[in-house]
């Protein structure tokens, strides 16, 4: 091989080496801040309901709520419970519908003939949420229960109404004339504040709501380390969706997500993700969903270099 061939080969290896160094070797490290412009504008501001519910903004995923009454309940208790459902339906936007014993109902009604005592008075019934998922705006009730211990002696099924409202998230009232007072009387009534609160809480449609959480990004030369999580803070399970990663406005990566249940999230970690751009100024993450959401503004978030 002549000396010219040797020099040509050395030149080629030198060029390849320089290109490899330019494209592959990490350079300066940059960290990114989250631009708050991508945050959600959705928030639930209920008028003052302090003390009315066990936790703030308690509701079931949908205004149509399924129930099952145990076959062990007496005919009167079954009738009282059905009348209680009808009364709350007439006063609010809620709609209750029965399911058979083989279904996964949202409210379970059981009965007991025993008398239970609490200090100086006996207990007429028990009720309340038994499965709650906490989201950003709601305490979502996934299951509630009602236990009827006594037959009602009133014209209206006050005991059944009282326990049903417990299952809907309402706590005891300090007003002796309110049906949610801890000692039942036939003269007690449902105050206007309870139906108004129910209607307000259920005025929010039963949609999912995807949003980004816990995001951090670091560029080391041409390599990107990205940590992110996506959570469903809505009132319905999602369908499949994608997260698209834009770097300097260009689509660089799409990540598919399986459906997320209410309150559930998923974390993604990218390490040493090679980026061809020489000067990365901005990273943008976008949730691409084909279904309705409570809020779409929180589906896009920008990361900018820390200054």
Protein backbone atom coordinates (compact mmCIF):
# COMPACT_ATOMS: atom_id res chain seq x y z
CA UNK A 1 0.00 0.00 0.00
CA UNK A 2 1.39 3.42 -0.98
CA UNK A 3 1.89 6.29 1.40
CA UNK A 4 -0.98 8.14 -0.23
CA UNK A 5 -3.35 5.28 0.57
CA UNK A 6 -2.14 5.23 4.16
CA UNK A 7 -2.74 8.97 4.54
CA UNK A 8 -6.20 8.64 2.99
CA UNK A 9 -7.10 5.84 5.39
CA UNK A 10 -5.85 7.85 8.36
CA UNK A 11 -7.84 10.85 7.21
CA UNK A 12 -11.02 8.75 6.93
CA UNK A 13 -10.51 7.31 10.44
CA UNK A 14 -9.86 10.81 11.79
CA UNK A 15 -13.05 12.17 10.22
CA UNK A 16 -15.09 9.23 11.56
CA UNK A 17 -13.58 9.72 15.01
CA UNK A 18 -14.38 13.42 15.05
CA UNK A 19 -17.94 12.77 13.92
CA UNK A 20 -18.37 10.10 16.59
CA UNK A 21 -17.06 12.50 19.21
CA UNK A 22 -19.34 15.28 17.94
CA UNK A 23 -22.49 13.18 17.82
CA UNK A 24 -22.05 10.72 20.66
CA UNK A 25 -19.85 12.12 23.43
CA UNK A 26 -21.81 14.01 26.14
CA UNK A 27 -21.04 17.68 26.47
CA UNK A 28 -22.38 20.37 28.78
CA UNK A 29 -25.21 19.45 31.16
CA UNK A 30 -28.46 21.44 31.30
CA UNK A 31 -31.44 21.01 33.62
CA UNK A 32 -34.95 22.11 32.76
CA UNK A 33 -37.73 23.93 34.61
CA UNK A 34 -41.44 23.24 34.16
CA UNK A 35 -43.28 26.10 32.50
CA UNK A 36 -46.43 26.64 34.60
CA UNK A 37 -48.43 27.71 31.54
CA UNK A 38 -49.32 24.07 30.97
CA UNK A 39 -51.08 23.60 34.30
CA UNK A 40 -54.78 22.88 34.59
CA UNK A 41 -57.30 25.68 34.95
CA UNK A 42 -59.96 23.30 36.23
CA UNK A 43 -60.88 23.48 39.89
CA UNK A 44 -64.01 22.78 41.86
CA UNK A 45 -65.04 25.61 44.14
CA UNK A 46 -68.06 24.47 46.10
CA UNK A 47 -69.74 26.98 48.38
CA UNK A 48 -68.97 26.40 52.04
CA UNK A 49 -69.92 22.82 52.90
CA UNK A 50 -67.65 22.43 55.91
CA UNK A 51 -69.01 19.71 58.15
CA UNK A 52 -71.57 18.47 55.63
CA UNK A 53 -69.42 15.68 54.18
CA UNK A 54 -66.87 13.31 55.65
CA UNK A 55 -64.28 14.68 53.18
CA UNK A 56 -64.47 17.57 50.68
CA UNK A 57 -66.22 17.03 47.34
CA UNK A 58 -67.35 13.44 47.81
CA UNK A 59 -69.31 11.92 44.94
CA UNK A 60 -69.68 8.76 42.89
CA UNK A 61 -68.15 8.67 39.39
CA UNK A 62 -71.54 9.17 37.74
CA UNK A 63 -74.95 10.55 38.69
CA UNK A 64 -76.43 7.15 37.79
CA UNK A 65 -75.64 4.94 40.78
CA UNK A 66 -76.29 1.22 41.02
CA UNK A 67 -77.44 -0.55 44.17
CA UNK A 68 -78.36 -3.99 45.50
CA UNK A 69 -80.69 -4.73 48.44
CA UNK A 70 -79.98 -7.98 50.26
CA UNK A 71 -82.57 -10.73 50.06
CA UNK A 72 -82.28 -11.02 53.85
CA UNK A 73 -83.98 -7.64 54.32
CA UNK A 74 -87.59 -7.65 55.44
CA UNK A 75 -90.27 -6.43 53.06
CA UNK A 76 -90.62 -3.20 55.05
CA UNK A 77 -86.89 -2.48 54.97
CA UNK A 78 -86.78 -3.17 51.25
CA UNK A 79 -89.72 -0.84 50.73
CA UNK A 80 -88.17 1.84 52.97
CA UNK A 81 -84.90 1.68 51.06
CA UNK A 82 -86.58 1.89 47.66
CA UNK A 83 -88.63 4.85 48.84
CA UNK A 84 -85.46 6.52 50.13
CA UNK A 85 -83.86 6.12 46.69
CA UNK A 86 -87.00 7.59 45.07
CA UNK A 87 -87.08 10.58 47.43
CA UNK A 88 -83.43 11.50 46.80
CA UNK A 89 -84.02 11.03 43.05
CA UNK A 90 -86.93 13.46 43.15
CA UNK A 91 -84.86 16.09 44.96
CA UNK A 92 -81.61 15.80 42.99
CA UNK A 93 -80.05 14.89 39.65
CA UNK A 94 -79.18 11.42 40.93
CA UNK A 95 -80.64 8.28 39.42
CA UNK A 96 -80.46 4.97 41.31
CA UNK A 97 -80.96 1.63 39.59
CA UNK A 98 -80.96 -1.94 40.99
CA UNK A 99 -78.55 -4.74 40.11
CA UNK A 100 -78.84 -8.44 40.84
CA UNK A 101 -76.71 -10.33 43.34
CA UNK A 102 -74.13 -11.32 40.75
CA UNK A 103 -73.26 -7.73 39.85
CA UNK A 104 -70.75 -5.23 41.21
CA UNK A 105 -73.11 -2.64 42.65
CA UNK A 106 -71.96 0.76 43.93
CA UNK A 107 -74.22 0.82 47.01
CA UNK A 108 -74.85 -2.37 48.97
CA UNK A 109 -77.86 -2.47 51.31
CA UNK A 110 -77.78 -5.06 54.09
CA UNK A 111 -80.15 -5.59 57.00
CA UNK A 112 -79.86 -6.75 60.59
CA UNK A 113 -82.56 -7.52 63.16
CA UNK A 114 -80.32 -7.04 66.19
CA UNK A 115 -80.51 -3.88 68.31
CA UNK A 116 -77.22 -2.04 68.80
CA UNK A 117 -76.59 0.53 71.49
CA UNK A 118 -74.33 3.57 71.47
CA UNK A 119 -74.14 5.14 74.95
CA UNK A 120 -77.73 6.05 75.94
CA UNK A 121 -79.54 5.46 72.63
CA UNK A 122 -79.87 2.57 70.26
CA UNK A 123 -78.55 2.61 66.71
CA UNK A 124 -81.13 2.62 63.91
CA UNK A 125 -78.71 2.01 61.05
CA UNK A 126 -75.23 2.45 59.67
CA UNK A 127 -73.99 3.75 56.37
CA UNK A 128 -71.10 5.37 54.58
CA UNK A 129 -68.52 5.13 51.81
CA UNK A 130 -66.35 2.01 52.00
CA UNK A 131 -64.05 2.59 49.00
CA UNK A 132 -62.77 6.10 48.23
CA UNK A 133 -60.21 7.17 45.62
CA UNK A 134 -58.60 10.56 46.16
CA UNK A 135 -58.07 12.70 43.05
CA UNK A 136 -57.06 16.33 42.59
CA UNK A 137 -60.61 17.71 42.75
CA UNK A 138 -62.74 14.94 44.21
CA UNK A 139 -62.89 12.20 46.78
CA UNK A 140 -64.47 9.66 44.44
CA UNK A 141 -66.71 7.07 46.09
CA UNK A 142 -66.37 3.75 44.33
CA UNK A 143 -68.50 1.82 46.82
CA UNK A 144 -70.81 2.64 49.71
CA UNK A 145 -72.86 0.57 52.12
CA UNK A 146 -76.11 0.88 54.05
CA UNK A 147 -76.98 -1.33 57.02
CA UNK A 148 -80.56 -1.06 58.23
CA UNK A 149 -80.92 -2.24 61.84
CA UNK A 150 -84.44 -1.06 62.65
CA UNK A 151 -87.74 -0.78 60.86
CA UNK A 152 -88.80 2.85 60.54
CA UNK A 153 -91.82 3.93 62.60
CA UNK A 154 -92.20 7.17 60.65
CA UNK A 155 -94.46 7.96 57.71
CA UNK A 156 -91.34 8.73 55.67
CA UNK A 157 -88.39 6.27 55.62
CA UNK A 158 -86.17 8.62 57.62
CA UNK A 159 -83.73 5.94 58.74
CA UNK A 160 -83.15 4.70 55.20
CA UNK A 161 -82.76 8.29 53.90
CA UNK A 162 -80.30 9.10 56.70
CA UNK A 163 -78.11 6.08 55.93
CA UNK A 164 -78.32 6.62 52.18
CA UNK A 165 -77.05 10.18 52.61
CA UNK A 166 -74.19 8.76 54.68
CA UNK A 167 -73.38 6.44 51.76
CA UNK A 168 -73.38 9.54 49.52
CA UNK A 169 -70.69 11.09 51.72
CA UNK A 170 -72.73 13.26 54.11
CA UNK A 171 -71.82 13.45 57.78
CA UNK A 172 -74.08 14.14 60.76
CA UNK A 173 -75.68 17.54 61.18
CA UNK A 174 -75.73 19.55 64.40
CA UNK A 175 -79.29 20.68 63.64
CA UNK A 176 -81.84 18.50 65.53
CA UNK A 177 -84.44 19.23 62.84
CA UNK A 178 -82.21 17.96 60.04
CA UNK A 179 -82.59 14.36 58.88
CA UNK A 180 -78.81 13.98 59.26
CA UNK A 181 -78.95 14.65 63.00
CA UNK A 182 -77.48 11.69 64.88
CA UNK A 183 -80.73 10.92 66.73
CA UNK A 184 -83.65 10.18 64.43
CA UNK A 185 -87.09 11.75 64.80
CA UNK A 186 -90.07 11.52 62.48
CA UNK A 187 -90.36 15.31 62.25
CA UNK A 188 -86.87 15.74 60.74
CA UNK A 189 -86.59 16.94 57.15
CA UNK A 190 -84.00 17.13 54.39
CA UNK A 191 -82.57 20.64 54.31
CA UNK A 192 -82.22 22.45 51.00
CA UNK A 193 -78.44 22.54 51.37
CA UNK A 194 -78.07 18.77 50.84
CA UNK A 195 -79.85 18.56 47.44
CA UNK A 196 -78.12 21.77 46.33
CA UNK A 197 -74.72 20.35 47.24
CA UNK A 198 -75.47 17.05 45.47
CA UNK A 199 -76.58 18.83 42.30
CA UNK A 200 -73.48 21.02 42.34
CA UNK A 201 -71.08 18.13 42.85
CA UNK A 202 -72.67 16.08 40.06
CA UNK A 203 -72.83 19.03 37.65
CA UNK A 204 -69.24 18.13 36.70
CA UNK A 205 -69.47 15.61 33.84
CA UNK A 206 -68.15 12.07 34.31
CA UNK A 207 -65.01 12.41 32.18
CA UNK A 208 -61.42 11.32 32.73
CA UNK A 209 -58.78 13.99 33.34
CA UNK A 210 -55.17 13.23 32.43
CA UNK A 211 -52.37 15.45 33.69
CA UNK A 212 -48.60 15.40 34.10
CA UNK A 213 -47.00 15.07 37.51
CA UNK A 214 -43.43 14.91 38.87
CA UNK A 215 -41.57 15.94 35.73
CA UNK A 216 -37.83 16.50 35.52
CA UNK A 217 -35.42 16.59 32.58
CA UNK A 218 -31.66 16.89 32.12
CA UNK A 219 -29.67 17.22 28.88
CA UNK A 220 -26.09 15.91 29.03
CA UNK A 221 -24.66 16.92 25.71
CA UNK A 222 -26.92 15.11 23.24
CA UNK A 223 -28.41 12.70 25.76
CA UNK A 224 -31.73 13.32 27.49
CA UNK A 225 -32.77 11.94 30.89
CA UNK A 226 -36.50 12.43 31.41
CA UNK A 227 -38.71 11.43 34.33
CA UNK A 228 -42.46 11.93 34.13
CA UNK A 229 -45.70 10.52 35.43
CA UNK A 230 -49.23 10.79 34.08
CA UNK A 231 -52.26 10.49 36.34
CA UNK A 232 -56.01 10.22 35.80
CA UNK A 233 -57.57 12.78 38.17
CA UNK A 234 -61.00 12.50 36.58
CA UNK A 235 -64.25 10.68 37.19
CA UNK A 236 -63.96 7.89 34.64
CA UNK A 237 -61.35 5.36 33.50
CA UNK A 238 -59.44 6.42 30.41
CA UNK A 239 -58.95 4.67 27.11
CA UNK A 240 -55.50 4.18 25.60
CA UNK A 241 -53.56 7.38 24.89
CA UNK A 242 -50.11 8.57 23.77
CA UNK A 243 -47.57 10.97 25.20
CA UNK A 244 -45.61 12.79 22.48
CA UNK A 245 -42.19 14.30 23.23
CA UNK A 246 -41.28 17.39 21.20
CA UNK A 247 -37.76 18.79 21.27
CA UNK A 248 -37.34 22.28 19.83
CA UNK A 249 -40.78 21.82 18.28
CA UNK A 250 -40.03 18.54 16.51
CA UNK A 251 -41.73 15.22 17.28
CA UNK A 252 -38.99 12.96 18.64
CA UNK A 253 -40.79 10.18 20.53
CA UNK A 254 -44.29 8.77 21.10
CA UNK A 255 -45.06 6.61 24.13
CA UNK A 256 -48.25 4.56 24.30
CA UNK A 257 -50.12 4.24 27.61
CA UNK A 258 -52.63 1.57 28.57
CA UNK A 259 -55.96 2.77 30.07
CA UNK A 260 -55.70 4.35 33.52
CA UNK A 261 -58.33 3.83 36.21
CA UNK A 262 -59.68 6.70 38.31
CA UNK A 263 -56.91 8.04 40.55
CA UNK A 264 -54.22 5.80 39.01
CA UNK A 265 -51.00 6.96 37.40
CA UNK A 266 -47.97 5.61 35.56
CA UNK A 267 -44.36 6.74 35.66
CA UNK A 268 -41.97 6.70 32.68
CA UNK A 269 -38.19 7.06 32.89
CA UNK A 270 -36.04 7.73 29.80
CA UNK A 271 -32.28 7.58 30.26
CA UNK A 272 -29.57 8.32 27.71
CA UNK A 273 -32.14 9.13 25.04
CA UNK A 274 -30.06 10.41 22.12
CA UNK A 275 -31.16 13.75 20.66
CA UNK A 276 -29.71 14.93 17.33
CA UNK A 277 -30.40 18.62 18.03
CA UNK A 278 -27.21 20.54 18.80
CA UNK A 279 -28.84 23.26 20.93
CA UNK A 280 -31.91 22.12 22.88
CA UNK A 281 -33.85 25.12 24.17
CA UNK A 282 -37.25 23.60 24.89
CA UNK A 283 -38.84 20.22 25.56
CA UNK A 284 -42.60 19.88 25.26
CA UNK A 285 -44.75 16.95 26.42
CA UNK A 286 -48.22 16.44 25.00
CA UNK A 287 -50.92 13.95 26.03
CA UNK A 288 -52.70 12.90 22.85
CA UNK A 289 -56.12 11.50 23.81
CA UNK A 290 -59.12 10.85 21.59
CA UNK A 291 -61.72 11.04 24.39
CA UNK A 292 -63.43 13.84 26.30
CA UNK A 293 -61.66 15.11 29.43
CA UNK A 294 -62.56 17.48 32.23
CA UNK A 295 -59.67 19.69 31.19
CA UNK A 296 -57.47 19.63 28.08
CA UNK A 297 -55.16 22.53 29.01
CA UNK A 298 -53.21 20.27 31.36
CA UNK A 299 -52.41 17.86 28.49
CA UNK A 300 -49.47 19.97 27.36
CA UNK A 301 -46.49 21.12 29.36
CA UNK A 302 -43.22 22.85 28.44
CA UNK A 303 -39.78 22.42 29.96
CA UNK A 304 -37.29 25.26 29.57
CA UNK A 305 -33.59 25.46 30.45
CA UNK A 306 -32.96 26.68 34.00
CA UNK A 307 -31.47 30.15 34.09
